Amino acid sequence: MAEIRSLVEGFDDAGVPSKRWRELVSRKLIEIDALITPAEQMKQLLEESLDCGCLTLDSCAVVLERHENATTTDAA
């Protein structure tokens, strides 16, 4: 809540955002994007796995391929 309050209070009397407010929002947008991207990837993986017909996630080629790609990408 304190963070939201500091964002809202970042305007001057004319309604123009201060430099501090713009910097805070820029950092917050980066943080939010860092949360959204993995969630979108997980959603896509789960949607794709619905159509694969595998009995378990451990045997699902879609899941295994994604996991291998993510592990390779993270290690790089």
Protein backbone atom coordinates (compact mmCIF):
# COMPACT_ATOMS: atom_id res chain seq x y z
CA MET A 1 0.00 0.00 0.00
CA ALA A 2 2.81 2.40 0.79
CA GLU A 3 4.21 1.87 -2.68
CA ILE A 4 0.85 2.61 -4.31
CA ARG A 5 0.45 5.69 -2.13
CA SER A 6 3.88 6.98 -3.21
CA LEU A 7 2.87 6.52 -6.86
CA VAL A 8 -0.42 8.34 -6.43
CA GLU A 9 1.18 11.15 -4.45
CA GLY A 10 3.70 11.69 -7.22
CA PHE A 11 1.72 14.44 -8.94
CA ASP A 12 2.09 18.16 -8.35
CA ASP A 13 -0.88 20.50 -7.90
CA ALA A 14 -1.31 20.81 -11.66
CA GLY A 15 -1.51 17.03 -12.08
CA VAL A 16 1.91 16.70 -13.71
CA PRO A 17 3.94 13.67 -12.62
CA SER A 18 7.23 14.47 -10.94
CA LYS A 19 10.59 13.07 -12.06
CA ARG A 20 10.59 10.84 -8.95
CA TRP A 21 7.16 9.50 -9.90
CA ARG A 22 8.26 8.71 -13.45
CA GLU A 23 11.35 6.88 -12.20
CA LEU A 24 9.30 4.90 -9.68
CA VAL A 25 6.75 3.91 -12.31
CA SER A 26 9.47 2.90 -14.79
CA ARG A 27 11.04 0.58 -12.21
CA LYS A 28 7.66 -0.83 -11.20
CA LEU A 29 6.74 -1.59 -14.82
CA ILE A 30 9.95 -3.60 -15.20
CA GLU A 31 9.10 -5.55 -12.03
CA ILE A 32 5.58 -6.23 -13.25
CA ASP A 33 6.81 -7.37 -16.68
CA ALA A 34 9.19 -9.77 -14.90
CA LEU A 35 6.18 -11.31 -13.16
CA ILE A 36 3.88 -11.36 -16.19
CA THR A 37 6.28 -13.01 -18.64
CA PRO A 38 6.73 -16.29 -16.72
CA ALA A 39 3.00 -16.42 -15.96
CA GLU A 40 2.16 -16.03 -19.67
CA GLN A 41 4.70 -18.74 -20.55
CA MET A 42 3.17 -21.10 -17.97
CA LYS A 43 -0.33 -20.37 -19.27
CA GLN A 44 0.74 -21.13 -22.83
CA LEU A 45 2.45 -24.35 -21.76
CA LEU A 46 -0.62 -25.52 -19.87
CA GLU A 47 -2.93 -24.68 -22.78
CA GLU A 48 -0.68 -26.55 -25.21
CA SER A 49 -0.44 -29.56 -22.89
CA LEU A 50 -4.24 -29.91 -22.88
CA ASP A 51 -4.11 -31.02 -26.51
CA CYS A 52 -1.22 -33.48 -26.24
CA GLY A 53 -3.12 -36.47 -24.84
CA CYS A 54 -0.40 -37.50 -22.38
CA LEU A 55 -1.42 -39.12 -19.12
CA THR A 56 1.10 -37.23 -16.98
CA LEU A 57 3.12 -34.02 -17.27
CA ASP A 58 6.32 -36.06 -16.76
CA SER A 59 5.68 -37.95 -20.01
CA CYS A 60 4.37 -34.99 -21.99
CA ALA A 61 6.67 -34.12 -24.89
CA VAL A 62 5.40 -30.53 -24.91
CA VAL A 63 6.26 -30.06 -21.24
CA LEU A 64 9.61 -31.84 -21.50
CA GLU A 65 10.68 -29.82 -24.53
CA ARG A 66 9.72 -26.53 -22.86
CA HIS A 67 11.52 -27.53 -19.66
CA GLU A 68 14.67 -28.44 -21.59
CA ASN A 69 14.56 -25.14 -23.52
CA ALA A 70 14.01 -23.13 -20.34
CA THR A 71 16.87 -24.94 -18.59
CA THR A 72 19.19 -24.32 -21.55
CA THR A 73 18.17 -20.65 -21.73
CA ASP A 74 18.58 -20.13 -17.97
CA ALA A 75 22.05 -21.69 -18.02
CA ALA A 76 23.23 -19.41 -20.82
